């Protein structure tokens, strides 16, 4: 009887190296995911610490603890910080320079571009009113954090004194009148997902806003209901709060600014068919609205609601014109220049 033995084939060197390479790729991917999770947890934890120390200042002021108001000082690499990086200081009193430093409580951050740190240009102070705990300024505060891992997070402090960690796409933005706006994260930038609707409605399309400390808007068809749906229409000077600085906050909520022409171009450049993808139902979540415009025809008239969208940028073309972006209910999203007296829609972009 003859037996045939089936021999097992040994792996070649090339096959062994291939298996090892695949294993290393899988291992590296798992390590990257784990590291990303750790880094995200780092900035989330720091944001919660910020919200906590701000909430303590608010609670101390509201309860009248130690018979005084309490505030927060935001410092960037100051000698007052006990670390080499940025810090927040909880202080007793309504002015940091007049405080009793014996009551200070400090929250430290890593050095700039190392670990978690405060975003640029944030040095300031604010305090909460005695007995109510509301922000004394009545203006919302925003404390933005960054990390050397490329992650960003912010803590919002509402005029009521409530502090919470802001997460783009989940948290809402609030204007000076307390109106809430949905947000959307697109390519690491946070945009309002609705048109701004702050301000007082002008009487008609032939009425003009003025630099009178009252935020004024047109509502399409002189209807507040249309403002509720489409947002307000603003002249360029009004939305810029009568400044001219590109990228200014203007009439945006605290911690937000009016996007520049370059920032609008970068948004449109993300999509092959930006008009489609930025529209309601598009993959971006931007929810572009065909809100129309207020033009200067006959001293002032409304046009194009339901067929065109127009958005101001904070970029001037010259003394009388500024850059805007528009969509004509199609796949395109283009820019042009327009007289600043026209009324167009406004979207805001988060500072971080």
Protein backbone atom coordinates (compact mmCIF):
# COMPACT_ATOMS: atom_id res chain seq x y z
CA UNK A 1 0.00 0.00 0.00
CA UNK A 2 1.36 3.33 -0.96
CA UNK A 3 0.66 6.37 1.20
CA UNK A 4 0.84 9.88 -0.17
CA UNK A 5 1.78 12.50 2.42
CA UNK A 6 0.53 16.00 1.81
CA UNK A 7 3.28 18.44 2.67
CA UNK A 8 2.40 21.82 4.20
CA UNK A 9 3.83 24.71 2.26
CA UNK A 10 6.06 27.00 4.27
CA UNK A 11 5.54 30.79 4.09
CA UNK A 12 8.02 32.57 1.92
CA UNK A 13 10.00 35.49 3.30
CA UNK A 14 7.95 37.90 1.22
CA UNK A 15 4.70 36.53 2.66
CA UNK A 16 6.02 36.76 6.22
CA UNK A 17 7.08 40.35 5.68
CA UNK A 18 3.67 41.16 4.20
CA UNK A 19 1.87 39.67 7.21
CA UNK A 20 4.11 41.63 9.58
CA UNK A 21 3.50 44.83 7.64
CA UNK A 22 -0.28 44.36 7.76
CA UNK A 23 -0.09 43.67 11.49
CA UNK A 24 1.97 46.82 12.08
CA UNK A 25 -0.48 48.93 10.06
CA UNK A 26 -3.39 47.62 12.13
CA UNK A 27 -1.45 48.22 15.33
CA UNK A 28 -0.49 51.74 14.28
CA UNK A 29 -4.10 52.52 13.40
CA UNK A 30 -5.30 51.30 16.78
CA UNK A 31 -2.61 53.37 18.51
CA UNK A 32 -3.62 56.48 16.54
CA UNK A 33 -7.27 56.03 17.45
CA UNK A 34 -6.32 55.58 21.12
CA UNK A 35 -4.07 58.64 21.09
CA UNK A 36 -6.77 60.75 19.42
CA UNK A 37 -9.21 59.67 22.09
CA UNK A 38 -6.75 60.60 24.84
CA UNK A 39 -6.01 63.98 23.25
CA UNK A 40 -9.73 64.74 22.84
CA UNK A 41 -10.32 63.73 26.44
CA UNK A 42 -7.54 66.15 27.48
CA UNK A 43 -9.16 69.21 25.93
CA UNK A 44 -12.65 68.12 27.02
CA UNK A 45 -11.44 67.79 30.61
CA UNK A 46 -9.78 71.22 30.51
CA UNK A 47 -12.92 72.81 29.07
CA UNK A 48 -14.93 71.34 31.94
CA UNK A 49 -12.42 72.81 34.40
CA UNK A 50 -12.87 76.23 32.79
CA UNK A 51 -16.67 75.93 33.00
CA UNK A 52 -16.33 74.90 36.64
CA UNK A 53 -14.18 77.85 37.75
CA UNK A 54 -16.45 80.30 35.90
CA UNK A 55 -19.51 78.71 37.52
CA UNK A 56 -17.88 79.11 40.93
CA UNK A 57 -17.45 82.86 40.34
CA UNK A 58 -21.09 83.08 39.27
CA UNK A 59 -22.34 81.10 42.26
CA UNK A 60 -20.21 83.11 44.72
CA UNK A 61 -21.61 86.40 43.34
CA UNK A 62 -25.18 85.15 43.31
CA UNK A 63 -25.01 83.88 46.91
CA UNK A 64 -23.13 86.95 48.15
CA UNK A 65 -20.23 84.81 49.39
CA UNK A 66 -17.78 86.91 51.43
CA UNK A 67 -20.04 89.92 50.86
CA UNK A 68 -18.71 90.79 47.42
CA UNK A 69 -18.94 90.07 43.71
CA UNK A 70 -16.53 87.66 42.01
CA UNK A 71 -14.92 87.71 38.62
CA UNK A 72 -12.64 85.91 36.16
CA UNK A 73 -9.37 87.23 34.77
CA UNK A 74 -8.10 85.63 31.54
CA UNK A 75 -4.31 85.91 31.28
CA UNK A 76 -1.83 84.96 28.58
CA UNK A 77 1.66 84.00 29.79
CA UNK A 78 1.49 86.59 32.55
CA UNK A 79 3.72 86.88 35.61
CA UNK A 80 0.49 86.50 37.60
CA UNK A 81 0.20 82.91 36.34
CA UNK A 82 2.01 80.37 38.52
CA UNK A 83 2.93 78.37 35.41
CA UNK A 84 4.82 79.34 32.25
CA UNK A 85 1.61 79.16 30.22
CA UNK A 86 -1.80 80.82 30.29
CA UNK A 87 -4.17 80.89 33.25
CA UNK A 88 -7.60 81.87 34.53
CA UNK A 89 -7.85 83.54 37.93
CA UNK A 90 -11.02 83.53 40.01
CA UNK A 91 -10.87 86.79 41.97
CA UNK A 92 -12.94 88.59 44.60
CA UNK A 93 -14.21 92.01 43.53
CA UNK A 94 -15.30 93.73 40.36
CA UNK A 95 -11.85 94.93 39.29
CA UNK A 96 -8.86 92.63 39.07
CA UNK A 97 -6.30 95.34 39.89
CA UNK A 98 -8.18 96.26 43.10
CA UNK A 99 -8.74 92.70 44.32
CA UNK A 100 -7.49 91.05 47.48
CA UNK A 101 -5.14 88.44 45.99
CA UNK A 102 -5.46 86.28 49.13
CA UNK A 103 -8.74 85.00 47.71
CA UNK A 104 -7.39 84.14 44.24
CA UNK A 105 -7.99 80.68 42.79
CA UNK A 106 -6.00 79.81 39.67
CA UNK A 107 -6.49 77.43 36.75
CA UNK A 108 -3.31 76.89 34.71
CA UNK A 109 -2.75 75.78 31.14
CA UNK A 110 0.23 74.42 29.27
CA UNK A 111 2.70 76.65 27.45
CA UNK A 112 1.61 78.08 24.13
CA UNK A 113 1.52 75.35 21.44
CA UNK A 114 2.10 72.71 24.11
CA UNK A 115 -0.74 70.61 25.48
CA UNK A 116 -3.98 72.56 25.99
CA UNK A 117 -3.78 76.36 26.02
CA UNK A 118 -5.90 79.46 25.49
CA UNK A 119 -6.44 80.68 21.95
CA UNK A 120 -4.82 83.99 20.99
CA UNK A 121 -6.03 87.48 21.92
CA UNK A 122 -8.23 86.61 24.88
CA UNK A 123 -6.75 88.58 27.78
CA UNK A 124 -9.63 90.30 29.59
CA UNK A 125 -11.72 90.20 32.75
CA UNK A 126 -15.41 90.01 33.62
CA UNK A 127 -17.44 89.70 36.79
CA UNK A 128 -20.92 88.66 37.92
CA UNK A 129 -23.45 90.93 39.62
CA UNK A 130 -24.17 90.65 43.31
CA UNK A 131 -27.32 88.70 44.17
CA UNK A 132 -28.28 87.70 40.61
CA UNK A 133 -25.09 86.16 39.22
CA UNK A 134 -25.68 87.68 35.78
CA UNK A 135 -22.71 88.94 33.78
CA UNK A 136 -22.30 92.60 34.67
CA UNK A 137 -21.75 93.58 31.03
CA UNK A 138 -24.88 91.80 29.79
CA UNK A 139 -22.71 90.48 26.96
CA UNK A 140 -22.00 86.80 26.36
CA UNK A 141 -18.41 85.68 26.98
CA UNK A 142 -16.48 83.02 25.08
CA UNK A 143 -13.27 81.35 26.28
CA UNK A 144 -11.62 79.42 23.45
CA UNK A 145 -9.15 76.58 23.99
CA UNK A 146 -6.72 75.02 21.54
CA UNK A 147 -4.26 72.16 21.68
CA UNK A 148 -1.10 71.17 19.87
CA UNK A 149 -3.08 68.18 18.56
CA UNK A 150 -5.16 70.52 16.37
CA UNK A 151 -8.29 70.21 18.51
CA UNK A 152 -10.40 73.21 19.53
CA UNK A 153 -13.06 73.72 22.16
CA UNK A 154 -14.72 76.69 23.82
CA UNK A 155 -16.67 77.56 26.93
CA UNK A 156 -19.62 79.89 26.56
CA UNK A 157 -20.86 82.12 29.36
CA UNK A 158 -24.39 83.41 28.74
CA UNK A 159 -25.54 86.82 30.00
CA UNK A 160 -27.46 84.92 32.69
CA UNK A 161 -24.09 83.66 33.98
CA UNK A 162 -24.62 80.06 32.86
CA UNK A 163 -21.33 78.50 31.67
CA UNK A 164 -21.26 75.48 29.40
CA UNK A 165 -18.86 73.68 27.08
CA UNK A 166 -19.66 74.59 23.48
CA UNK A 167 -19.59 71.74 20.95
CA UNK A 168 -20.11 72.83 17.35
CA UNK A 169 -23.00 71.03 15.67
CA UNK A 170 -24.57 70.19 19.02
CA UNK A 171 -24.55 73.48 20.94
CA UNK A 172 -26.38 76.60 19.82
CA UNK A 173 -25.06 80.14 19.50
CA UNK A 174 -26.97 83.02 21.11
CA UNK A 175 -27.14 86.60 19.89
CA UNK A 176 -27.44 89.72 22.05
CA UNK A 177 -31.22 89.30 22.16
CA UNK A 178 -31.03 85.72 23.38
CA UNK A 179 -32.09 84.18 20.07
CA UNK A 180 -30.64 80.71 19.48
CA UNK A 181 -29.00 79.56 16.25
CA UNK A 182 -28.05 76.07 15.13
CA UNK A 183 -24.38 75.52 14.30
CA UNK A 184 -22.50 73.24 11.93
CA UNK A 185 -18.86 72.15 11.76
CA UNK A 186 -17.39 72.17 8.26
CA UNK A 187 -13.70 71.36 7.73
CA UNK A 188 -12.74 72.27 11.32
CA UNK A 189 -14.62 75.57 11.13
CA UNK A 190 -17.85 76.30 12.98
CA UNK A 191 -20.55 78.22 11.09
CA UNK A 192 -24.01 79.38 12.01
CA UNK A 193 -26.40 77.03 10.23
CA UNK A 194 -29.03 79.79 10.10
CA UNK A 195 -29.07 83.38 8.91
CA UNK A 196 -28.60 85.98 11.63
CA UNK A 197 -31.82 87.66 12.79
CA UNK A 198 -30.68 90.17 15.41
CA UNK A 199 -32.05 93.67 15.63
CA UNK A 200 -35.11 95.82 15.16
CA UNK A 201 -37.10 95.74 11.91
CA UNK A 202 -36.99 98.89 9.79
CA UNK A 203 -40.37 100.27 8.77
CA UNK A 204 -40.00 99.50 5.07
CA UNK A 205 -37.54 98.86 2.24
CA UNK A 206 -37.18 102.61 1.68
CA UNK A 207 -36.11 103.15 5.30
CA UNK A 208 -32.39 103.19 5.98
CA UNK A 209 -30.41 102.15 9.06
CA UNK A 210 -28.18 104.64 10.82
CA UNK A 211 -25.35 104.66 13.33
CA UNK A 212 -27.71 105.20 16.27
CA UNK A 213 -26.72 102.39 18.68
CA UNK A 214 -29.82 100.45 17.58
CA UNK A 215 -29.22 97.34 15.48
CA UNK A 216 -31.57 97.61 12.50
CA UNK A 217 -32.54 95.13 9.79
CA UNK A 218 -34.93 94.78 6.90
CA UNK A 219 -37.42 91.91 6.89
CA UNK A 220 -38.41 90.73 3.42
CA UNK A 221 -41.82 92.13 2.49
CA UNK A 222 -41.79 94.16 5.74
CA UNK A 223 -42.81 90.99 7.55
CA UNK A 224 -41.33 89.90 10.88
CA UNK A 225 -42.52 86.40 10.01
CA UNK A 226 -40.12 86.40 7.04
CA UNK A 227 -37.27 87.44 9.33
CA UNK A 228 -38.14 84.48 11.55
CA UNK A 229 -37.81 82.18 8.53
CA UNK A 230 -35.04 83.78 6.46
CA UNK A 231 -33.20 85.98 8.94
CA UNK A 232 -32.68 89.72 8.64
CA UNK A 233 -31.25 91.66 5.70
CA UNK A 234 -28.50 94.12 6.68
CA UNK A 235 -26.58 96.94 5.09
CA UNK A 236 -22.82 96.39 5.14
CA UNK A 237 -22.14 99.31 7.49
CA UNK A 238 -24.79 98.12 9.93
CA UNK A 239 -23.54 94.53 10.08
CA UNK A 240 -19.98 95.78 10.55
CA UNK A 241 -21.16 97.93 13.50
CA UNK A 242 -19.83 100.88 11.49
CA UNK A 243 -16.27 99.64 11.48
CA UNK A 244 -14.21 98.48 8.51
CA UNK A 245 -11.91 95.83 9.95
CA UNK A 246 -11.89 92.65 7.90
CA UNK A 247 -12.92 89.68 10.05
CA UNK A 248 -14.50 91.94 12.69
CA UNK A 249 -17.10 90.69 15.13
CA UNK A 250 -19.59 93.27 13.92
CA UNK A 251 -23.11 92.20 14.92
CA UNK A 252 -22.18 88.54 15.47
CA UNK A 253 -22.51 86.87 18.88
CA UNK A 254 -19.54 87.03 21.26
CA UNK A 255 -16.81 84.64 20.12
CA UNK A 256 -17.92 84.84 16.46
CA UNK A 257 -16.97 87.08 13.57
CA UNK A 258 -18.06 88.11 10.09
CA UNK A 259 -16.29 85.83 7.60
CA UNK A 260 -13.88 87.37 5.13
CA UNK A 261 -14.07 86.89 1.39
CA UNK A 262 -11.20 84.38 1.67
CA UNK A 263 -13.08 82.37 4.29
CA UNK A 264 -16.20 82.24 2.14
CA UNK A 265 -14.05 81.17 -0.83
CA UNK A 266 -12.47 78.41 1.26
CA UNK A 267 -15.93 77.15 2.23
CA UNK A 268 -17.13 77.08 -1.37
CA UNK A 269 -13.87 75.44 -2.48
CA UNK A 270 -14.63 72.36 -0.39
CA UNK A 271 -17.30 71.23 -2.84
CA UNK A 272 -17.41 70.51 -6.56
CA UNK A 273 -20.98 71.84 -6.64
CA UNK A 274 -21.05 74.29 -3.73
CA UNK A 275 -24.48 75.72 -4.49
CA UNK A 276 -26.00 72.27 -4.14
CA UNK A 277 -23.99 71.11 -1.15
CA UNK A 278 -24.48 74.33 0.84
CA UNK A 279 -28.23 74.35 0.19
CA UNK A 280 -30.84 72.77 2.44
CA UNK A 281 -30.58 69.02 1.89
CA UNK A 282 -26.93 69.24 0.81
CA UNK A 283 -24.26 67.20 2.57
CA UNK A 284 -22.66 70.25 4.26
CA UNK A 285 -25.45 71.01 6.75
CA UNK A 286 -24.95 74.73 6.01
CA UNK A 287 -28.65 75.11 5.07
CA UNK A 288 -28.31 78.01 2.64
CA UNK A 289 -31.59 79.94 2.42
CA UNK A 290 -32.80 81.75 -0.68
CA UNK A 291 -33.65 84.82 1.36
CA UNK A 292 -33.42 87.41 -1.42
CA UNK A 293 -32.21 90.98 -0.99
CA UNK A 294 -33.13 94.55 -0.30
CA UNK A 295 -31.85 96.70 -3.17
CA UNK A 296 -31.83 100.44 -3.84
CA UNK A 297 -34.31 100.42 -6.75
CA UNK A 298 -36.78 103.29 -6.38
CA UNK A 299 -35.28 104.21 -3.05
CA UNK A 300 -35.52 100.66 -1.73
CA UNK A 301 -37.21 97.42 -2.79
CA UNK A 302 -37.19 93.71 -2.02
CA UNK A 303 -36.35 91.08 -4.65
CA UNK A 304 -35.36 87.46 -5.31
CA UNK A 305 -36.83 85.73 -2.25
CA UNK A 306 -37.13 82.02 -3.03
CA UNK A 307 -34.71 82.16 -5.96
CA UNK A 308 -31.44 83.72 -4.79
CA UNK A 309 -29.24 83.87 -1.70
CA UNK A 310 -26.87 86.76 -0.95
CA UNK A 311 -24.30 86.88 1.85
CA UNK A 312 -22.10 89.79 2.83
CA UNK A 313 -18.44 89.24 3.64
CA UNK A 314 -16.45 91.54 5.92
CA UNK A 315 -14.09 92.39 3.02
CA UNK A 316 -14.32 95.77 1.34
CA UNK A 317 -13.86 96.25 -2.39
CA UNK A 318 -13.53 100.03 -2.11
CA UNK A 319 -15.01 102.87 -0.08
CA UNK A 320 -18.56 102.32 -1.32
CA UNK A 321 -18.62 98.61 -2.20
CA UNK A 322 -17.99 95.34 -0.38
CA UNK A 323 -17.59 91.71 -1.49
CA UNK A 324 -20.55 89.35 -1.31
CA UNK A 325 -21.29 85.74 -2.27
CA UNK A 326 -24.45 84.62 -3.98
CA UNK A 327 -26.28 81.57 -5.24
CA UNK A 328 -28.96 81.56 -7.97
CA UNK A 329 -30.75 78.38 -6.96
CA UNK A 330 -28.18 76.29 -8.82
CA UNK A 331 -24.89 74.47 -8.29
CA UNK A 332 -22.75 77.60 -8.45
CA UNK A 333 -21.66 79.86 -5.59
CA UNK A 334 -19.97 83.02 -6.81
CA UNK A 335 -18.63 86.33 -5.54
CA UNK A 336 -19.02 89.90 -6.75
CA UNK A 337 -18.97 93.45 -5.42
CA UNK A 338 -21.99 95.48 -4.37
CA UNK A 339 -22.92 98.87 -2.94
CA UNK A 340 -22.82 98.73 0.85
CA UNK A 341 -26.35 100.14 1.15
CA UNK A 342 -27.92 96.89 -0.15
CA UNK A 343 -29.51 94.56 2.38
CA UNK A 344 -28.11 91.01 2.35
CA UNK A 345 -28.06 88.00 4.66
CA UNK A 346 -25.38 87.38 7.29
CA UNK A 347 -23.72 84.22 8.55
CA UNK A 348 -21.14 84.22 11.34
CA UNK A 349 -18.03 82.11 11.77
CA UNK A 350 -16.68 81.06 15.14
CA UNK A 351 -13.41 82.68 16.16
CA UNK A 352 -11.61 79.44 16.89
